[in-house]
Amino acid sequence: MTPLLTRPSKKTLLLIAAISGALSVALFLRLSAIDRELKPYTIIGYEFAWSAERAKQMFSVWGETGRNAARSSLLHDVPFLLAYPFLVSALTLLAARAAPGKYARLGAWLGLAPFVAALLDALEDAALWRALDAFQQPPEHLLQFAAIAAGVKFLLLGLSALYALAVWFFRVLG
């Protein structure tokens, strides 16, 4: 992991963060607009539906229009999951380069976590799509898999982001 502490260059990481950040924000705004069509539920609520009964309740409230909006959200999530890992990884690696010793090595490892999160996001989306296609009897195992994948995804992203914030915080105050 030590190579990630020197390559790519700081300038390249900043460029990656800027481009992927702009794309992530634009895609997040689009996803947020779609999410409003799913009220009173959200796509994150669907990610954590866990049970067939809960998913059927959501599908019933959404009707065909809401289910189509959920499909649209899952479809728009694909470019988002191709953008956000670069942003979080670049910021984490920039922080790692400012951290001392073992904390720098930890940051290098956490710089890879967003890509694992994106892979989990893709698998979660596939499971949710399949459950949505079987909306009258959504397979509970797919919903449970999606919830676990979403939980681990958010945990990995949260750890990376928390690391970057902690390094920044201690560098600024230290």
C-alpha atoms as a PDB file:
ATOM      1  CA  MET A   1       0.000   0.000   0.000  1.00  0.00           C
ATOM      2  CA  THR A   2       2.977   2.307   0.359  1.00  0.00           C
ATOM      3  CA  PRO A   3       2.909   3.238  -3.369  1.00  0.00           C
ATOM      4  CA  LEU A   4      -0.480   4.909  -2.805  1.00  0.00           C
ATOM      5  CA  LEU A   5       1.248   7.287  -0.422  1.00  0.00           C
ATOM      6  CA  THR A   6       3.325   8.697  -3.299  1.00  0.00           C
ATOM      7  CA  ARG A   7       1.469   7.859  -6.506  1.00  0.00           C
ATOM      8  CA  PRO A   8      -0.497   9.290  -8.144  1.00  0.00           C
ATOM      9  CA  SER A   9       0.858  12.772  -7.586  1.00  0.00           C
ATOM     10  CA  LYS A  10      -0.886  15.260  -5.320  1.00  0.00           C
ATOM     11  CA  LYS A  11      -1.820  17.322  -8.374  1.00  0.00           C
ATOM     12  CA  THR A  12      -3.410  14.277 -10.012  1.00  0.00           C
ATOM     13  CA  LEU A  13      -5.323  13.410  -6.829  1.00  0.00           C
ATOM     14  CA  LEU A  14      -6.637  16.967  -6.629  1.00  0.00           C
ATOM     15  CA  LEU A  15      -7.738  16.779 -10.272  1.00  0.00           C
ATOM     16  CA  ILE A  16      -9.431  13.410  -9.646  1.00  0.00           C
ATOM     17  CA  ALA A  17     -11.171  14.850  -6.583  1.00  0.00           C
ATOM     18  CA  ALA A  18     -12.346  17.924  -8.502  1.00  0.00           C
ATOM     19  CA  ILE A  19     -13.704  16.030 -11.504  1.00  0.00           C
ATOM     20  CA  SER A  20     -15.250  13.152  -9.568  1.00  0.00           C
ATOM     21  CA  GLY A  21     -16.573  15.619  -6.991  1.00  0.00           C
ATOM     22  CA  ALA A  22     -18.370  17.674  -9.640  1.00  0.00           C
ATOM     23  CA  LEU A  23     -19.801  14.528 -11.227  1.00  0.00           C
ATOM     24  CA  SER A  24     -20.809  13.109  -7.839  1.00  0.00           C
ATOM     25  CA  VAL A  25     -22.622  16.291  -6.844  1.00  0.00           C
ATOM     26  CA  ALA A  26     -24.469  16.507 -10.176  1.00  0.00           C
ATOM     27  CA  LEU A  27     -25.498  12.856 -10.012  1.00  0.00           C
ATOM     28  CA  PHE A  28     -26.451  13.119  -6.339  1.00  0.00           C
ATOM     29  CA  LEU A  29     -28.736  16.055  -7.152  1.00  0.00           C
ATOM     30  CA  ARG A  30     -30.375  14.011  -9.924  1.00  0.00           C
ATOM     31  CA  LEU A  31     -30.822  11.063  -7.567  1.00  0.00           C
ATOM     32  CA  SER A  32     -32.300  13.364  -4.920  1.00  0.00           C
ATOM     33  CA  ALA A  33     -34.843  14.663  -7.438  1.00  0.00           C
ATOM     34  CA  ILE A  34     -35.877  11.104  -8.305  1.00  0.00           C
ATOM     35  CA  ASP A  35     -36.044  10.243  -4.605  1.00  0.00           C
ATOM     36  CA  ARG A  36     -38.735  12.875  -4.083  1.00  0.00           C
ATOM     37  CA  GLU A  37     -40.996  10.773  -6.325  1.00  0.00           C
ATOM     38  CA  LEU A  38     -40.746   7.914  -3.826  1.00  0.00           C
ATOM     39  CA  LYS A  39     -42.247   9.737  -0.833  1.00  0.00           C
ATOM     40  CA  PRO A  40     -43.074   8.833   1.870  1.00  0.00           C
ATOM     41  CA  TYR A  41     -40.243   6.315   1.377  1.00  0.00           C
ATOM     42  CA  THR A  42     -36.769   6.800  -0.059  1.00  0.00           C
ATOM     43  CA  ILE A  43     -34.405   4.672  -2.097  1.00  0.00           C
ATOM     44  CA  ILE A  44     -32.242   4.316   1.019  1.00  0.00           C
ATOM     45  CA  GLY A  45     -35.303   3.042   2.854  1.00  0.00           C
ATOM     46  CA  TYR A  46     -35.701   0.486   0.072  1.00  0.00           C
ATOM     47  CA  GLU A  47     -32.016  -0.465   0.364  1.00  0.00           C
ATOM     48  CA  PHE A  48     -32.718  -1.335   3.997  1.00  0.00           C
ATOM     49  CA  ALA A  49     -36.212  -2.824   3.508  1.00  0.00           C
ATOM     50  CA  TRP A  50     -34.832  -6.215   4.622  1.00  0.00           C
ATOM     51  CA  SER A  51     -38.153  -8.091   4.460  1.00  0.00           C
ATOM     52  CA  ALA A  52     -40.514  -8.935   1.616  1.00  0.00           C
ATOM     53  CA  GLU A  53     -43.393  -7.564   3.679  1.00  0.00           C
ATOM     54  CA  ARG A  54     -41.710  -4.171   4.076  1.00  0.00           C
ATOM     55  CA  ALA A  55     -40.798  -4.033   0.385  1.00  0.00           C
ATOM     56  CA  LYS A  56     -44.356  -4.949  -0.657  1.00  0.00           C
ATOM     57  CA  GLN A  57     -45.635  -2.138   1.566  1.00  0.00           C
ATOM     58  CA  MET A  58     -43.328   0.297  -0.247  1.00  0.00           C
ATOM     59  CA  PHE A  59     -44.281  -1.057  -3.669  1.00  0.00           C
ATOM     60  CA  SER A  60     -47.970  -0.748  -2.824  1.00  0.00           C
ATOM     61  CA  VAL A  61     -47.623   2.898  -1.786  1.00  0.00           C
ATOM     62  CA  TRP A  62     -45.418   3.684  -4.788  1.00  0.00           C
ATOM     63  CA  GLY A  63     -47.643   2.033  -7.350  1.00  0.00           C
ATOM     64  CA  GLU A  64     -46.328   1.652 -10.890  1.00  0.00           C
ATOM     65  CA  THR A  65     -45.152   5.284 -11.041  1.00  0.00           C
ATOM     66  CA  GLY A  66     -43.058   4.917  -7.895  1.00  0.00           C
ATOM     67  CA  ARG A  67     -41.664   1.564  -8.955  1.00  0.00           C
ATOM     68  CA  ASN A  68     -40.582   3.161 -12.228  1.00  0.00           C
ATOM     69  CA  ALA A  69     -38.974   5.993 -10.257  1.00  0.00           C
ATOM     70  CA  ALA A  70     -37.135   3.410  -8.130  1.00  0.00           C
ATOM     71  CA  ARG A  71     -35.894   1.746 -11.343  1.00  0.00           C
ATOM     72  CA  SER A  72     -34.768   5.156 -12.597  1.00  0.00           C
ATOM     73  CA  SER A  73     -32.920   5.753  -9.330  1.00  0.00           C
ATOM     74  CA  LEU A  74     -31.156   2.394  -9.577  1.00  0.00           C
ATOM     75  CA  LEU A  75     -30.226   3.150 -13.188  1.00  0.00           C
ATOM     76  CA  HIS A  76     -28.878   6.603 -12.302  1.00  0.00           C
ATOM     77  CA  ASP A  77     -26.940   5.069  -9.421  1.00  0.00           C
ATOM     78  CA  VAL A  78     -24.631   3.320 -11.913  1.00  0.00           C
ATOM     79  CA  PRO A  79     -22.771   6.469 -13.032  1.00  0.00           C
ATOM     80  CA  PHE A  80     -22.843   7.707  -9.424  1.00  0.00           C
ATOM     81  CA  LEU A  81     -21.106   4.557  -8.173  1.00  0.00           C
ATOM     82  CA  LEU A  82     -18.518   5.061 -10.904  1.00  0.00           C
ATOM     83  CA  ALA A  83     -17.813   8.606  -9.666  1.00  0.00           C
ATOM     84  CA  TYR A  84     -18.025   8.735  -5.862  1.00  0.00           C
ATOM     85  CA  PRO A  85     -15.312   6.160  -5.089  1.00  0.00           C
ATOM     86  CA  PHE A  86     -12.747   8.299  -6.918  1.00  0.00           C
ATOM     87  CA  LEU A  87     -13.751  11.348  -4.880  1.00  0.00           C
ATOM     88  CA  VAL A  88     -13.661   9.615  -1.488  1.00  0.00           C
ATOM     89  CA  SER A  89     -10.495   7.695  -2.349  1.00  0.00           C
ATOM     90  CA  ALA A  90      -8.639  10.804  -3.560  1.00  0.00           C
ATOM     91  CA  LEU A  91      -9.584  12.744  -0.422  1.00  0.00           C
ATOM     92  CA  THR A  92      -8.599   9.807   1.796  1.00  0.00           C
ATOM     93  CA  LEU A  93      -5.237   9.416   0.049  1.00  0.00           C
ATOM     94  CA  LEU A  94      -4.561  13.150   0.295  1.00  0.00           C
ATOM     95  CA  ALA A  95      -5.235  12.908   4.025  1.00  0.00           C
ATOM     96  CA  ALA A  96      -3.045   9.804   4.329  1.00  0.00           C
ATOM     97  CA  ARG A  97      -0.123  11.707   2.877  1.00  0.00           C
ATOM     98  CA  ALA A  98      -0.507  14.284   5.630  1.00  0.00           C
ATOM     99  CA  ALA A  99      -0.674  11.667   8.391  1.00  0.00           C
ATOM    100  CA  PRO A 100       2.317  10.267  10.285  1.00  0.00           C
ATOM    101  CA  GLY A 101       3.631   6.682  10.062  1.00  0.00           C
ATOM    102  CA  LYS A 102       1.114   3.956  10.766  1.00  0.00           C
ATOM    103  CA  TYR A 103      -1.768   6.399  10.295  1.00  0.00           C
ATOM    104  CA  ALA A 104      -0.547   7.066   6.767  1.00  0.00           C
ATOM    105  CA  ARG A 105      -0.536   3.327   6.038  1.00  0.00           C
ATOM    106  CA  LEU A 106      -4.045   3.035   7.478  1.00  0.00           C
ATOM    107  CA  GLY A 107      -5.131   5.844   5.144  1.00  0.00           C
ATOM    108  CA  ALA A 108      -3.624   4.058   2.158  1.00  0.00           C
ATOM    109  CA  TRP A 109      -5.739   0.999   2.952  1.00  0.00           C
ATOM    110  CA  LEU A 110      -8.823   3.141   3.548  1.00  0.00           C
ATOM    111  CA  GLY A 111      -8.157   4.765   0.175  1.00  0.00           C
ATOM    112  CA  LEU A 112      -9.159   1.450  -1.389  1.00  0.00           C
ATOM    113  CA  ALA A 113     -12.330   1.061   0.681  1.00  0.00           C
ATOM    114  CA  PRO A 114     -14.497   3.307  -1.566  1.00  0.00           C
ATOM    115  CA  PHE A 115     -13.885   0.962  -4.498  1.00  0.00           C
ATOM    116  CA  VAL A 116     -14.995  -2.031  -2.439  1.00  0.00           C
ATOM    117  CA  ALA A 117     -18.036   0.057  -1.435  1.00  0.00           C
ATOM    118  CA  ALA A 118     -18.824   0.754  -5.099  1.00  0.00           C
ATOM    119  CA  LEU A 119     -18.653  -2.962  -5.910  1.00  0.00           C
ATOM    120  CA  LEU A 120     -21.053  -3.662  -3.031  1.00  0.00           C
ATOM    121  CA  ASP A 121     -23.260  -0.834  -4.314  1.00  0.00           C
ATOM    122  CA  ALA A 122     -23.447  -2.467  -7.756  1.00  0.00           C
ATOM    123  CA  LEU A 123     -24.347  -5.858  -6.249  1.00  0.00           C
ATOM    124  CA  GLU A 124     -26.918  -4.193  -3.984  1.00  0.00           C
ATOM    125  CA  ASP A 125     -28.480  -2.402  -6.973  1.00  0.00           C
ATOM    126  CA  ALA A 126     -28.738  -5.682  -8.899  1.00  0.00           C
ATOM    127  CA  ALA A 127     -30.472  -7.357  -5.956  1.00  0.00           C
ATOM    128  CA  LEU A 128     -32.870  -4.434  -5.524  1.00  0.00           C
ATOM    129  CA  TRP A 129     -33.667  -4.400  -9.239  1.00  0.00           C
ATOM    130  CA  ARG A 130     -34.474  -8.129  -9.189  1.00  0.00           C
ATOM    131  CA  ALA A 131     -36.676  -7.676  -6.117  1.00  0.00           C
ATOM    132  CA  LEU A 132     -38.415  -4.750  -7.812  1.00  0.00           C
ATOM    133  CA  ASP A 133     -39.101  -6.854 -10.906  1.00  0.00           C
ATOM    134  CA  ALA A 134     -40.794  -9.428  -8.645  1.00  0.00           C
ATOM    135  CA  PHE A 135     -42.741  -6.716  -6.800  1.00  0.00           C
ATOM    136  CA  GLN A 136     -45.731  -8.951  -6.041  1.00  0.00           C
ATOM    137  CA  GLN A 137     -43.518 -11.503  -4.257  1.00  0.00           C
ATOM    138  CA  PRO A 138     -40.063  -9.949  -3.793  1.00  0.00           C
ATOM    139  CA  PRO A 139     -37.465 -12.540  -2.794  1.00  0.00           C
ATOM    140  CA  GLU A 140     -36.571 -11.858   0.818  1.00  0.00           C
ATOM    141  CA  HIS A 141     -33.019 -13.181   0.417  1.00  0.00           C
ATOM    142  CA  LEU A 142     -32.327 -10.486  -2.200  1.00  0.00           C
ATOM    143  CA  LEU A 143     -33.651  -7.776   0.114  1.00  0.00           C
ATOM    144  CA  GLN A 144     -31.557  -9.081   2.997  1.00  0.00           C
ATOM    145  CA  PHE A 145     -28.458  -9.253   0.799  1.00  0.00           C
ATOM    146  CA  ALA A 146     -29.096  -5.692  -0.397  1.00  0.00           C
ATOM    147  CA  ALA A 147     -29.451  -4.433   3.185  1.00  0.00           C
ATOM    148  CA  ILE A 148     -26.210  -6.101   4.272  1.00  0.00           C
ATOM    149  CA  ALA A 149     -24.357  -4.827   1.181  1.00  0.00           C
ATOM    150  CA  ALA A 150     -25.716  -1.310   1.777  1.00  0.00           C
ATOM    151  CA  GLY A 151     -24.686  -1.419   5.426  1.00  0.00           C
ATOM    152  CA  VAL A 152     -21.132  -2.505   4.633  1.00  0.00           C
ATOM    153  CA  LYS A 153     -20.961   0.031   1.784  1.00  0.00           C
ATOM    154  CA  PHE A 154     -21.931   2.898   4.071  1.00  0.00           C
ATOM    155  CA  LEU A 155     -19.569   1.630   6.775  1.00  0.00           C
ATOM    156  CA  LEU A 156     -16.598   1.594   4.374  1.00  0.00           C
ATOM    157  CA  LEU A 157     -17.423   5.030   2.979  1.00  0.00           C
ATOM    158  CA  GLY A 158     -17.970   6.375   6.478  1.00  0.00           C
ATOM    159  CA  LEU A 159     -14.639   5.026   7.725  1.00  0.00           C
ATOM    160  CA  SER A 160     -12.788   6.570   4.787  1.00  0.00           C
ATOM    161  CA  ALA A 161     -14.520   9.916   5.173  1.00  0.00           C
ATOM    162  CA  LEU A 162     -14.105   9.916   8.952  1.00  0.00           C
ATOM    163  CA  TYR A 163     -10.400   9.161   8.550  1.00  0.00           C
ATOM    164  CA  ALA A 164      -9.945  12.057   6.118  1.00  0.00           C
ATOM    165  CA  LEU A 165     -11.843  14.430   8.416  1.00  0.00           C
ATOM    166  CA  ALA A 166      -9.903  13.277  11.488  1.00  0.00           C
ATOM    167  CA  VAL A 167      -6.547  13.793   9.768  1.00  0.00           C
ATOM    168  CA  TRP A 168      -7.621  17.222   8.554  1.00  0.00           C
ATOM    169  CA  PHE A 169      -8.962  18.115  12.016  1.00  0.00           C
ATOM    170  CA  PHE A 170      -5.765  17.081  13.828  1.00  0.00           C
ATOM    171  CA  ARG A 171      -3.514  18.706  11.217  1.00  0.00           C
ATOM    172  CA  VAL A 172      -5.386  22.002  11.456  1.00  0.00           C
ATOM    173  CA  LEU A 173      -5.565  21.979  15.265  1.00  0.00           C
ATOM    174  CA  GLY A 174      -2.234  20.265  15.840  1.00  0.00           C
END
